Amino acid sequence: MITFKSLYASARLRSLPLSVSGILIGSAMAYCNGAFRIDIFLLALLTTICFQLLSDFANDYGDSQKGTDNQARLGPKRAIQSGAMTLSEMKKIIGVTMIISLLSAIILIYIAFGRENIIYSLSFFVLTIMAIMAAIKYTIGRNAYGYKGLGDIFVFIFFGLISVAGSYFLYTHQLQWKVLLPASAIGMLCMAVLNLNNMRDIDNDRAMNKRTIPVILGKELARYYHYILVLLPMLLLMAYSLLTLQLGMKTIYIIAFIPLIFHLIYVKKHINPQELDSQLKVVALSTFLISILFFVGMFF
């Protein structure tokens, strides 16, 4: 039965702050260039949240259909796995969420570009369709890319490059290469959350033939891969601040590096995959804090 409780169980709400981090970063850079608009900002947040929920619901459906969500899985039980919702009910939810996501994106595109910039509008409409398909095809279907070790790449593209650089373009109608530095940073931090999730579930994923990056690399190399995903974004963000001469209070986001450093120490010390589950929230909220402080810093 479809209830708020069953929807809550399926939606990974701790990932919502992570999903809007890119919008905050892109909006902050637009503000610095005098191009910020509150209507675009709010619609971009709404559209991104819709895409995230669509991805969560689709992942629940796909993993349950393939049997990956089973008793051996270490993470919290989702709606279908717990019996709170059936596959057919989740399929309906996916359809409704997909329509809402599409409508929100279309309104956002129209508000940002109007009728004059038809090329920009069509380009972003194509990106919208790609984002919807990426959300669905992560775990659903025979060729689900999340089962082929490609999840990290798609997360980097959609949560990093498109989220940050795309939102920046919605405001400014232009793109500077320096924007790709914070865009890559956010993309890699989002990859770090996915990698943690996959490190936690490595044994069950291997048994179910879900070839995530940790399954491909093995537990030890997956940890070193994780260190890179967390440390390199710090360097990229600081490089952006130096190149754009946005120093002083504009680098207040460095405060959010502290919990990430403690996180890396925790990951190094704890070998049991089940102990990594608590760290998903740490990285997600730290990334969100970075984006908030980055945004706030632009007002100084």
C-alpha atoms as a PDB file:
ATOM      1  CA  MET A   1       0.000   0.000   0.000  1.00  0.00           C
ATOM      2  CA  ILE A   2       1.290   3.457  -0.962  1.00  0.00           C
ATOM      3  CA  THR A   3       1.617   5.548   2.200  1.00  0.00           C
ATOM      4  CA  PHE A   4       3.841   8.370   3.349  1.00  0.00           C
ATOM      5  CA  LYS A   5       5.723   5.858   5.493  1.00  0.00           C
ATOM      6  CA  SER A   6       6.377   3.554   2.515  1.00  0.00           C
ATOM      7  CA  LEU A   7       7.517   6.478   0.363  1.00  0.00           C
ATOM      8  CA  TYR A   8       9.802   7.615   3.181  1.00  0.00           C
ATOM      9  CA  ALA A   9      11.298   4.122   3.387  1.00  0.00           C
ATOM     10  CA  SER A  10      12.089   4.145  -0.320  1.00  0.00           C
ATOM     11  CA  ALA A  11      13.389   7.699  -0.567  1.00  0.00           C
ATOM     12  CA  ARG A  12      16.961   8.064   0.667  1.00  0.00           C
ATOM     13  CA  LEU A  13      16.323  11.374   2.388  1.00  0.00           C
ATOM     14  CA  ARG A  14      19.894  11.663   3.604  1.00  0.00           C
ATOM     15  CA  SER A  15      20.871  11.988  -0.067  1.00  0.00           C
ATOM     16  CA  LEU A  16      18.599  15.011  -0.660  1.00  0.00           C
ATOM     17  CA  PRO A  17      21.034  17.557   0.859  1.00  0.00           C
ATOM     18  CA  LEU A  18      23.715  16.006  -1.329  1.00  0.00           C
ATOM     19  CA  SER A  19      21.596  16.358  -4.464  1.00  0.00           C
ATOM     20  CA  VAL A  20      21.070  20.111  -3.998  1.00  0.00           C
ATOM     21  CA  SER A  21      24.718  20.847  -3.202  1.00  0.00           C
ATOM     22  CA  GLY A  22      25.561  21.357  -6.866  1.00  0.00           C
ATOM     23  CA  ILE A  23      22.724  23.844  -7.288  1.00  0.00           C
ATOM     24  CA  LEU A  24      23.991  25.851  -4.317  1.00  0.00           C
ATOM     25  CA  ILE A  25      27.525  25.960  -5.718  1.00  0.00           C
ATOM     26  CA  GLY A  26      26.408  26.935  -9.224  1.00  0.00           C
ATOM     27  CA  SER A  27      24.044  29.572  -7.829  1.00  0.00           C
ATOM     28  CA  ALA A  28      26.788  30.995  -5.614  1.00  0.00           C
ATOM     29  CA  MET A  29      29.099  31.489  -8.597  1.00  0.00           C
ATOM     30  CA  ALA A  30      26.231  33.098 -10.546  1.00  0.00           C
ATOM     31  CA  TYR A  31      25.602  35.451  -7.616  1.00  0.00           C
ATOM     32  CA  CYS A  32      29.255  36.444  -7.636  1.00  0.00           C
ATOM     33  CA  ASN A  33      28.795  37.418 -11.304  1.00  0.00           C
ATOM     34  CA  GLY A  34      25.648  39.393 -10.541  1.00  0.00           C
ATOM     35  CA  ALA A  35      23.347  36.953 -12.347  1.00  0.00           C
ATOM     36  CA  PHE A  36      21.507  35.286  -9.447  1.00  0.00           C
ATOM     37  CA  ARG A  37      17.699  35.004  -9.666  1.00  0.00           C
ATOM     38  CA  ILE A  38      15.512  33.620  -6.896  1.00  0.00           C
ATOM     39  CA  ASP A  39      12.941  32.096  -9.300  1.00  0.00           C
ATOM     40  CA  ILE A  40      15.602  30.076 -11.115  1.00  0.00           C
ATOM     41  CA  PHE A  41      17.159  29.099  -7.799  1.00  0.00           C
ATOM     42  CA  LEU A  42      13.938  27.718  -6.309  1.00  0.00           C
ATOM     43  CA  LEU A  43      12.904  25.909  -9.498  1.00  0.00           C
ATOM     44  CA  ALA A  44      16.389  24.396  -9.864  1.00  0.00           C
ATOM     45  CA  LEU A  45      16.200  23.098  -6.279  1.00  0.00           C
ATOM     46  CA  LEU A  46      12.738  21.624  -6.875  1.00  0.00           C
ATOM     47  CA  THR A  47      13.772  19.955 -10.138  1.00  0.00           C
ATOM     48  CA  THR A  48      16.907  18.469  -8.595  1.00  0.00           C
ATOM     49  CA  ILE A  49      14.964  17.093  -5.630  1.00  0.00           C
ATOM     50  CA  CYS A  50      12.444  15.530  -8.031  1.00  0.00           C
ATOM     51  CA  PHE A  51      15.259  13.875  -9.976  1.00  0.00           C
ATOM     52  CA  GLN A  52      16.771  12.546  -6.735  1.00  0.00           C
ATOM     53  CA  LEU A  53      13.458  11.083  -5.586  1.00  0.00           C
ATOM     54  CA  LEU A  54      12.934   9.531  -9.020  1.00  0.00           C
ATOM     55  CA  SER A  55      16.359   7.916  -8.748  1.00  0.00           C
ATOM     56  CA  ASP A  56      15.635   6.632  -5.234  1.00  0.00           C
ATOM     57  CA  PHE A  57      12.302   5.081  -6.237  1.00  0.00           C
ATOM     58  CA  ALA A  58      13.813   3.563  -9.394  1.00  0.00           C
ATOM     59  CA  ASN A  59      16.715   2.103  -7.405  1.00  0.00           C
ATOM     60  CA  ASP A  60      14.301   0.511  -4.954  1.00  0.00           C
ATOM     61  CA  TYR A  61      12.371  -1.024  -7.853  1.00  0.00           C
ATOM     62  CA  GLY A  62      15.424  -2.192  -9.801  1.00  0.00           C
ATOM     63  CA  ASP A  63      17.367  -3.676  -6.886  1.00  0.00           C
ATOM     64  CA  SER A  64      14.270  -5.424  -5.550  1.00  0.00           C
ATOM     65  CA  GLN A  65      13.424  -6.815  -8.983  1.00  0.00           C
ATOM     66  CA  LYS A  66      16.941  -8.195  -9.355  1.00  0.00           C
ATOM     67  CA  GLY A  67      17.007  -9.597  -5.810  1.00  0.00           C
ATOM     68  CA  THR A  68      19.886  -7.386  -4.688  1.00  0.00           C
ATOM     69  CA  ASP A  69      17.796  -5.973  -1.839  1.00  0.00           C
ATOM     70  CA  ASN A  70      17.832  -9.091   0.314  1.00  0.00           C
ATOM     71  CA  GLN A  71      18.573 -10.083   3.901  1.00  0.00           C
ATOM     72  CA  ALA A  72      22.316  -9.996   3.210  1.00  0.00           C
ATOM     73  CA  ARG A  73      22.226  -6.311   2.317  1.00  0.00           C
ATOM     74  CA  LEU A  74      23.658  -4.227   5.177  1.00  0.00           C
ATOM     75  CA  GLY A  75      21.886  -0.926   4.574  1.00  0.00           C
ATOM     76  CA  PRO A  76      18.466   0.107   5.896  1.00  0.00           C
ATOM     77  CA  LYS A  77      15.509  -1.772   4.418  1.00  0.00           C
ATOM     78  CA  ARG A  78      13.655   0.008   1.652  1.00  0.00           C
ATOM     79  CA  ALA A  79       9.936  -0.038   0.860  1.00  0.00           C
ATOM     80  CA  ILE A  80       9.683  -3.074  -1.421  1.00  0.00           C
ATOM     81  CA  GLN A  81      12.214  -5.125   0.543  1.00  0.00           C
ATOM     82  CA  SER A  82      10.308  -4.538   3.790  1.00  0.00           C
ATOM     83  CA  GLY A  83       6.964  -5.352   2.173  1.00  0.00           C
ATOM     84  CA  ALA A  84       5.629  -1.819   2.642  1.00  0.00           C
ATOM     85  CA  MET A  85       5.055  -1.494  -1.093  1.00  0.00           C
ATOM     86  CA  THR A  86       4.713  -3.842  -4.083  1.00  0.00           C
ATOM     87  CA  LEU A  87       6.618  -3.662  -7.357  1.00  0.00           C
ATOM     88  CA  SER A  88       3.508  -2.539  -9.232  1.00  0.00           C
ATOM     89  CA  GLU A  89       2.827   0.220  -6.700  1.00  0.00           C
ATOM     90  CA  MET A  90       6.408   1.438  -6.944  1.00  0.00           C
ATOM     91  CA  LYS A  91       6.140   1.423 -10.740  1.00  0.00           C
ATOM     92  CA  LYS A  92       3.200   3.850 -10.478  1.00  0.00           C
ATOM     93  CA  ILE A  93       5.170   6.081  -8.111  1.00  0.00           C
ATOM     94  CA  ILE A  94       8.072   6.135 -10.563  1.00  0.00           C
ATOM     95  CA  GLY A  95       5.737   7.185 -13.374  1.00  0.00           C
ATOM     96  CA  VAL A  96       4.180  10.021 -11.364  1.00  0.00           C
ATOM     97  CA  THR A  97       7.574  11.259 -10.141  1.00  0.00           C
ATOM     98  CA  MET A  98       8.924  11.158 -13.686  1.00  0.00           C
ATOM     99  CA  ILE A  99       6.065  13.369 -14.939  1.00  0.00           C
ATOM    100  CA  ILE A 100       6.509  15.853 -12.082  1.00  0.00           C
ATOM    101  CA  SER A 101      10.268  15.978 -12.725  1.00  0.00           C
ATOM    102  CA  LEU A 102       9.716  16.641 -16.425  1.00  0.00           C
ATOM    103  CA  LEU A 103       7.170  19.408 -15.806  1.00  0.00           C
ATOM    104  CA  SER A 104       9.387  21.089 -13.220  1.00  0.00           C
ATOM    105  CA  ALA A 105      12.354  21.004 -15.602  1.00  0.00           C
ATOM    106  CA  ILE A 106      10.325  22.419 -18.509  1.00  0.00           C
ATOM    107  CA  ILE A 107       9.123  25.344 -16.371  1.00  0.00           C
ATOM    108  CA  LEU A 108      12.690  25.953 -15.184  1.00  0.00           C
ATOM    109  CA  ILE A 109      13.997  25.966 -18.766  1.00  0.00           C
ATOM    110  CA  TYR A 110      11.301  28.397 -19.891  1.00  0.00           C
ATOM    111  CA  ILE A 111      11.922  30.739 -16.957  1.00  0.00           C
ATOM    112  CA  ALA A 112      15.679  30.700 -17.604  1.00  0.00           C
ATOM    113  CA  PHE A 113      15.708  31.073 -21.397  1.00  0.00           C
ATOM    114  CA  GLY A 114      12.249  32.238 -22.453  1.00  0.00           C
ATOM    115  CA  ARG A 115      11.298  31.990 -26.118  1.00  0.00           C
ATOM    116  CA  GLU A 116      14.373  33.750 -27.478  1.00  0.00           C
ATOM    117  CA  ASN A 117      17.057  31.132 -26.744  1.00  0.00           C
ATOM    118  CA  ILE A 118      15.544  28.101 -28.464  1.00  0.00           C
ATOM    119  CA  ILE A 119      18.916  26.345 -28.848  1.00  0.00           C
ATOM    120  CA  TYR A 120      19.641  26.612 -25.126  1.00  0.00           C
ATOM    121  CA  SER A 121      16.103  25.461 -24.311  1.00  0.00           C
ATOM    122  CA  LEU A 122      16.345  22.413 -26.568  1.00  0.00           C
ATOM    123  CA  SER A 123      19.794  21.549 -25.205  1.00  0.00           C
ATOM    124  CA  PHE A 124      18.565  21.615 -21.616  1.00  0.00           C
ATOM    125  CA  PHE A 125      15.453  19.667 -22.552  1.00  0.00           C
ATOM    126  CA  VAL A 126      17.715  16.942 -23.956  1.00  0.00           C
ATOM    127  CA  LEU A 127      19.721  17.033 -20.703  1.00  0.00           C
ATOM    128  CA  THR A 128      16.447  16.652 -18.798  1.00  0.00           C
ATOM    129  CA  ILE A 129      15.517  13.525 -20.761  1.00  0.00           C
ATOM    130  CA  MET A 130      19.029  12.171 -20.220  1.00  0.00           C
ATOM    131  CA  ALA A 131      18.785  12.839 -16.468  1.00  0.00           C
ATOM    132  CA  ILE A 132      15.445  11.030 -16.259  1.00  0.00           C
ATOM    133  CA  MET A 133      16.768   8.060 -18.205  1.00  0.00           C
ATOM    134  CA  ALA A 134      19.924   7.977 -16.081  1.00  0.00           C
ATOM    135  CA  ALA A 135      17.829   7.937 -12.897  1.00  0.00           C
ATOM    136  CA  ILE A 136      15.751   5.028 -14.169  1.00  0.00           C
ATOM    137  CA  LYS A 137      18.421   2.958 -15.914  1.00  0.00           C
ATOM    138  CA  TYR A 138      20.796   2.901 -12.934  1.00  0.00           C
ATOM    139  CA  THR A 139      19.284  -0.345 -11.645  1.00  0.00           C
ATOM    140  CA  ILE A 140      16.280  -1.051 -13.911  1.00  0.00           C
ATOM    141  CA  GLY A 141      16.555  -3.237 -16.999  1.00  0.00           C
ATOM    142  CA  ARG A 142      18.978  -5.818 -18.328  1.00  0.00           C
ATOM    143  CA  ASN A 143      21.603  -3.212 -19.149  1.00  0.00           C
ATOM    144  CA  ALA A 144      21.379  -1.306 -15.859  1.00  0.00           C
ATOM    145  CA  TYR A 145      24.631   0.657 -15.788  1.00  0.00           C
ATOM    146  CA  GLY A 146      24.846   0.539 -11.988  1.00  0.00           C
ATOM    147  CA  TYR A 147      25.512  -3.177 -12.328  1.00  0.00           C
ATOM    148  CA  LYS A 148      28.366  -2.601 -14.788  1.00  0.00           C
ATOM    149  CA  GLY A 149      30.606  -0.325 -12.717  1.00  0.00           C
ATOM    150  CA  LEU A 150      29.406   2.851 -14.478  1.00  0.00           C
ATOM    151  CA  GLY A 151      27.463   4.392 -11.601  1.00  0.00           C
ATOM    152  CA  ASP A 152      30.393   6.563 -10.501  1.00  0.00           C
ATOM    153  CA  ILE A 153      30.760   8.122 -13.959  1.00  0.00           C
ATOM    154  CA  PHE A 154      27.080   9.018 -14.189  1.00  0.00           C
ATOM    155  CA  VAL A 155      27.087  10.468 -10.662  1.00  0.00           C
ATOM    156  CA  PHE A 156      30.083  12.638 -11.552  1.00  0.00           C
ATOM    157  CA  ILE A 157      28.385  13.899 -14.714  1.00  0.00           C
ATOM    158  CA  PHE A 158      24.895  14.573 -13.364  1.00  0.00           C
ATOM    159  CA  PHE A 159      25.554  15.451  -9.696  1.00  0.00           C
ATOM    160  CA  GLY A 160      28.746  17.345 -10.480  1.00  0.00           C
ATOM    161  CA  LEU A 161      29.225  18.760 -13.951  1.00  0.00           C
ATOM    162  CA  ILE A 162      25.592  19.211 -14.990  1.00  0.00           C
ATOM    163  CA  SER A 163      24.304  20.193 -11.547  1.00  0.00           C
ATOM    164  CA  VAL A 164      26.946  22.880 -10.942  1.00  0.00           C
ATOM    165  CA  ALA A 165      27.882  24.045 -14.435  1.00  0.00           C
ATOM    166  CA  GLY A 166      24.320  23.561 -15.691  1.00  0.00           C
ATOM    167  CA  SER A 167      22.754  25.663 -12.939  1.00  0.00           C
ATOM    168  CA  TYR A 168      25.431  28.320 -13.456  1.00  0.00           C
ATOM    169  CA  PHE A 169      24.533  28.414 -17.160  1.00  0.00           C
ATOM    170  CA  LEU A 170      20.820  28.788 -16.381  1.00  0.00           C
ATOM    171  CA  TYR A 171      21.632  32.108 -14.731  1.00  0.00           C
ATOM    172  CA  THR A 172      24.434  33.457 -16.907  1.00  0.00           C
ATOM    173  CA  HIS A 173      23.869  31.828 -20.331  1.00  0.00           C
ATOM    174  CA  GLN A 174      27.615  31.306 -20.506  1.00  0.00           C
ATOM    175  CA  LEU A 175      30.222  28.897 -19.171  1.00  0.00           C
ATOM    176  CA  GLN A 176      33.756  29.499 -17.912  1.00  0.00           C
ATOM    177  CA  TRP A 177      36.279  26.684 -17.568  1.00  0.00           C
ATOM    178  CA  LYS A 178      37.006  27.616 -13.941  1.00  0.00           C
ATOM    179  CA  VAL A 179      33.437  26.621 -13.055  1.00  0.00           C
ATOM    180  CA  LEU A 180      34.454  23.038 -13.816  1.00  0.00           C
ATOM    181  CA  LEU A 181      36.744  23.000 -10.756  1.00  0.00           C
ATOM    182  CA  PRO A 182      33.998  23.213  -8.089  1.00  0.00           C
ATOM    183  CA  ALA A 183      31.732  21.188 -10.404  1.00  0.00           C
ATOM    184  CA  SER A 184      34.297  18.363 -10.401  1.00  0.00           C
ATOM    185  CA  ALA A 185      34.756  18.720  -6.630  1.00  0.00           C
ATOM    186  CA  ILE A 186      31.045  18.246  -5.914  1.00  0.00           C
ATOM    187  CA  GLY A 187      30.840  15.423  -8.428  1.00  0.00           C
ATOM    188  CA  MET A 188      33.676  13.545  -6.734  1.00  0.00           C
ATOM    189  CA  LEU A 189      32.207  14.023  -3.253  1.00  0.00           C
ATOM    190  CA  CYS A 190      28.926  12.590  -4.542  1.00  0.00           C
ATOM    191  CA  MET A 191      30.933   9.697  -5.977  1.00  0.00           C
ATOM    192  CA  ALA A 192      32.449   9.240  -2.510  1.00  0.00           C
ATOM    193  CA  VAL A 193      28.977   8.731  -1.020  1.00  0.00           C
ATOM    194  CA  LEU A 194      28.160   6.163  -3.695  1.00  0.00           C
ATOM    195  CA  ASN A 195      31.506   4.470  -3.133  1.00  0.00           C
ATOM    196  CA  LEU A 196      30.847   4.229   0.601  1.00  0.00           C
ATOM    197  CA  ASN A 197      27.476   2.672  -0.118  1.00  0.00           C
ATOM    198  CA  ASN A 198      29.100   0.170  -2.470  1.00  0.00           C
ATOM    199  CA  MET A 199      31.949  -0.576  -0.047  1.00  0.00           C
ATOM    200  CA  ARG A 200      29.346  -1.344   2.614  1.00  0.00           C
ATOM    201  CA  ASP A 201      27.468  -3.723   0.289  1.00  0.00           C
ATOM    202  CA  ILE A 202      30.504  -5.203  -1.472  1.00  0.00           C
ATOM    203  CA  ASP A 203      29.949  -8.811  -0.382  1.00  0.00           C
ATOM    204  CA  ASN A 204      26.263  -8.902  -1.272  1.00  0.00           C
ATOM    205  CA  ASP A 205      26.846  -7.033  -4.545  1.00  0.00           C
ATOM    206  CA  ARG A 206      29.545  -9.507  -5.537  1.00  0.00           C
ATOM    207  CA  ALA A 207      27.225 -12.417  -4.777  1.00  0.00           C
ATOM    208  CA  MET A 208      24.457 -10.819  -6.869  1.00  0.00           C
ATOM    209  CA  ASN A 209      26.854 -10.043  -9.749  1.00  0.00           C
ATOM    210  CA  LYS A 210      26.483  -6.304  -9.281  1.00  0.00           C
ATOM    211  CA  ARG A 211      29.862  -5.061 -10.485  1.00  0.00           C
ATOM    212  CA  THR A 212      30.362  -1.823  -8.592  1.00  0.00           C
ATOM    213  CA  ILE A 213      33.764  -0.131  -8.412  1.00  0.00           C
ATOM    214  CA  PRO A 214      34.577  -1.720  -4.994  1.00  0.00           C
ATOM    215  CA  VAL A 215      33.639  -5.146  -6.401  1.00  0.00           C
ATOM    216  CA  ILE A 216      35.950  -4.546  -9.368  1.00  0.00           C
ATOM    217  CA  LEU A 217      38.844  -3.070  -7.354  1.00  0.00           C
ATOM    218  CA  GLY A 218      38.531  -5.116  -4.184  1.00  0.00           C
ATOM    219  CA  LYS A 219      38.175  -3.822  -0.621  1.00  0.00           C
ATOM    220  CA  GLU A 220      41.692  -2.440  -0.178  1.00  0.00           C
ATOM    221  CA  LEU A 221      41.963  -0.543  -3.468  1.00  0.00           C
ATOM    222  CA  ALA A 222      38.411   0.738  -3.017  1.00  0.00           C
ATOM    223  CA  ARG A 223      39.592   2.457   0.164  1.00  0.00           C
ATOM    224  CA  TYR A 224      42.442   4.225  -1.641  1.00  0.00           C
ATOM    225  CA  TYR A 225      40.015   5.183  -4.387  1.00  0.00           C
ATOM    226  CA  HIS A 226      37.797   6.646  -1.664  1.00  0.00           C
ATOM    227  CA  TYR A 227      40.650   8.689  -0.203  1.00  0.00           C
ATOM    228  CA  ILE A 228      41.164  10.300  -3.622  1.00  0.00           C
ATOM    229  CA  LEU A 229      37.443  11.048  -4.000  1.00  0.00           C
ATOM    230  CA  VAL A 230      37.453  12.955  -0.707  1.00  0.00           C
ATOM    231  CA  LEU A 231      40.859  14.667  -0.760  1.00  0.00           C
ATOM    232  CA  LEU A 232      41.008  15.862  -4.380  1.00  0.00           C
ATOM    233  CA  PRO A 233      37.792  17.936  -4.133  1.00  0.00           C
ATOM    234  CA  MET A 234      39.355  19.978  -1.316  1.00  0.00           C
ATOM    235  CA  LEU A 235      42.266  20.860  -3.608  1.00  0.00           C
ATOM    236  CA  LEU A 236      39.954  21.671  -6.524  1.00  0.00           C
ATOM    237  CA  LEU A 237      37.839  24.046  -4.436  1.00  0.00           C
ATOM    238  CA  MET A 238      40.881  25.842  -3.070  1.00  0.00           C
ATOM    239  CA  ALA A 239      42.351  26.041  -6.585  1.00  0.00           C
ATOM    240  CA  TYR A 240      39.147  27.745  -7.763  1.00  0.00           C
ATOM    241  CA  SER A 241      39.337  30.273  -4.927  1.00  0.00           C
ATOM    242  CA  LEU A 242      42.968  31.058  -5.732  1.00  0.00           C
ATOM    243  CA  LEU A 243      42.421  31.366  -9.486  1.00  0.00           C
ATOM    244  CA  THR A 244      39.430  33.668  -9.044  1.00  0.00           C
ATOM    245  CA  LEU A 245      41.052  35.583  -6.159  1.00  0.00           C
ATOM    246  CA  GLN A 246      38.065  34.835  -3.939  1.00  0.00           C
ATOM    247  CA  LEU A 247      39.960  34.579  -0.677  1.00  0.00           C
ATOM    248  CA  GLY A 248      39.445  35.527   2.957  1.00  0.00           C
ATOM    249  CA  MET A 249      35.901  34.910   4.186  1.00  0.00           C
ATOM    250  CA  LYS A 250      34.970  33.547   0.754  1.00  0.00           C
ATOM    251  CA  THR A 251      36.927  30.416   1.669  1.00  0.00           C
ATOM    252  CA  ILE A 252      34.851  29.803   4.800  1.00  0.00           C
ATOM    253  CA  TYR A 253      33.853  26.459   3.233  1.00  0.00           C
ATOM    254  CA  ILE A 254      37.214  25.097   4.424  1.00  0.00           C
ATOM    255  CA  ILE A 255      35.565  24.593   7.824  1.00  0.00           C
ATOM    256  CA  ALA A 256      33.594  21.722   6.305  1.00  0.00           C
ATOM    257  CA  PHE A 257      36.857  19.936   5.440  1.00  0.00           C
ATOM    258  CA  ILE A 258      37.312  19.071   9.130  1.00  0.00           C
ATOM    259  CA  PRO A 259      34.590  16.376   9.374  1.00  0.00           C
ATOM    260  CA  LEU A 260      35.823  14.947   6.059  1.00  0.00           C
ATOM    261  CA  ILE A 261      39.333  14.529   7.484  1.00  0.00           C
ATOM    262  CA  PHE A 262      37.930  12.728  10.527  1.00  0.00           C
ATOM    263  CA  HIS A 263      35.824  10.648   8.147  1.00  0.00           C
ATOM    264  CA  LEU A 264      38.927   9.466   6.281  1.00  0.00           C
ATOM    265  CA  ILE A 265      40.565   8.499   9.562  1.00  0.00           C
ATOM    266  CA  TYR A 266      37.450   6.508  10.465  1.00  0.00           C
ATOM    267  CA  VAL A 267      37.419   4.702   7.097  1.00  0.00           C
ATOM    268  CA  LYS A 268      41.102   3.830   7.480  1.00  0.00           C
ATOM    269  CA  LYS A 269      40.587   2.325  10.939  1.00  0.00           C
ATOM    270  CA  HIS A 270      37.330   0.415  10.377  1.00  0.00           C
ATOM    271  CA  ILE A 271      37.498  -2.617   8.124  1.00  0.00           C
ATOM    272  CA  ASN A 272      34.044  -4.103   8.771  1.00  0.00           C
ATOM    273  CA  PRO A 273      31.768  -2.979   5.847  1.00  0.00           C
ATOM    274  CA  GLN A 274      28.765  -2.611   8.162  1.00  0.00           C
ATOM    275  CA  GLU A 275      30.600   0.087  10.135  1.00  0.00           C
ATOM    276  CA  LEU A 276      30.735   2.301   7.041  1.00  0.00           C
ATOM    277  CA  ASP A 277      26.974   2.900   6.923  1.00  0.00           C
ATOM    278  CA  SER A 278      27.122   5.735   9.461  1.00  0.00           C
ATOM    279  CA  GLN A 279      29.685   7.527   7.305  1.00  0.00           C
ATOM    280  CA  LEU A 280      27.270   7.985   4.398  1.00  0.00           C
ATOM    281  CA  LYS A 281      25.548  10.742   6.356  1.00  0.00           C
ATOM    282  CA  VAL A 282      28.891  12.290   7.326  1.00  0.00           C
ATOM    283  CA  VAL A 283      30.070  12.738   3.736  1.00  0.00           C
ATOM    284  CA  ALA A 284      26.641  13.783   2.443  1.00  0.00           C
ATOM    285  CA  LEU A 285      26.144  16.431   5.135  1.00  0.00           C
ATOM    286  CA  SER A 286      29.753  17.617   4.876  1.00  0.00           C
ATOM    287  CA  THR A 287      29.277  18.143   1.136  1.00  0.00           C
ATOM    288  CA  PHE A 288      26.055  20.012   1.838  1.00  0.00           C
ATOM    289  CA  LEU A 289      27.850  22.148   4.438  1.00  0.00           C
ATOM    290  CA  ILE A 290      30.600  22.939   1.923  1.00  0.00           C
ATOM    291  CA  SER A 291      28.001  24.129  -0.570  1.00  0.00           C
ATOM    292  CA  ILE A 292      26.163  26.250   2.016  1.00  0.00           C
ATOM    293  CA  LEU A 293      29.365  27.885   3.254  1.00  0.00           C
ATOM    294  CA  PHE A 294      30.533  28.380  -0.344  1.00  0.00           C
ATOM    295  CA  PHE A 295      27.205  30.126  -1.039  1.00  0.00           C
ATOM    296  CA  VAL A 296      27.372  32.223   2.136  1.00  0.00           C
ATOM    297  CA  GLY A 297      30.979  33.132   1.446  1.00  0.00           C
ATOM    298  CA  MET A 298      29.990  34.831  -1.799  1.00  0.00           C
ATOM    299  CA  PHE A 299      28.111  37.483   0.206  1.00  0.00           C
ATOM    300  CA  PHE A 300      31.316  38.721   1.847  1.00  0.00           C
END
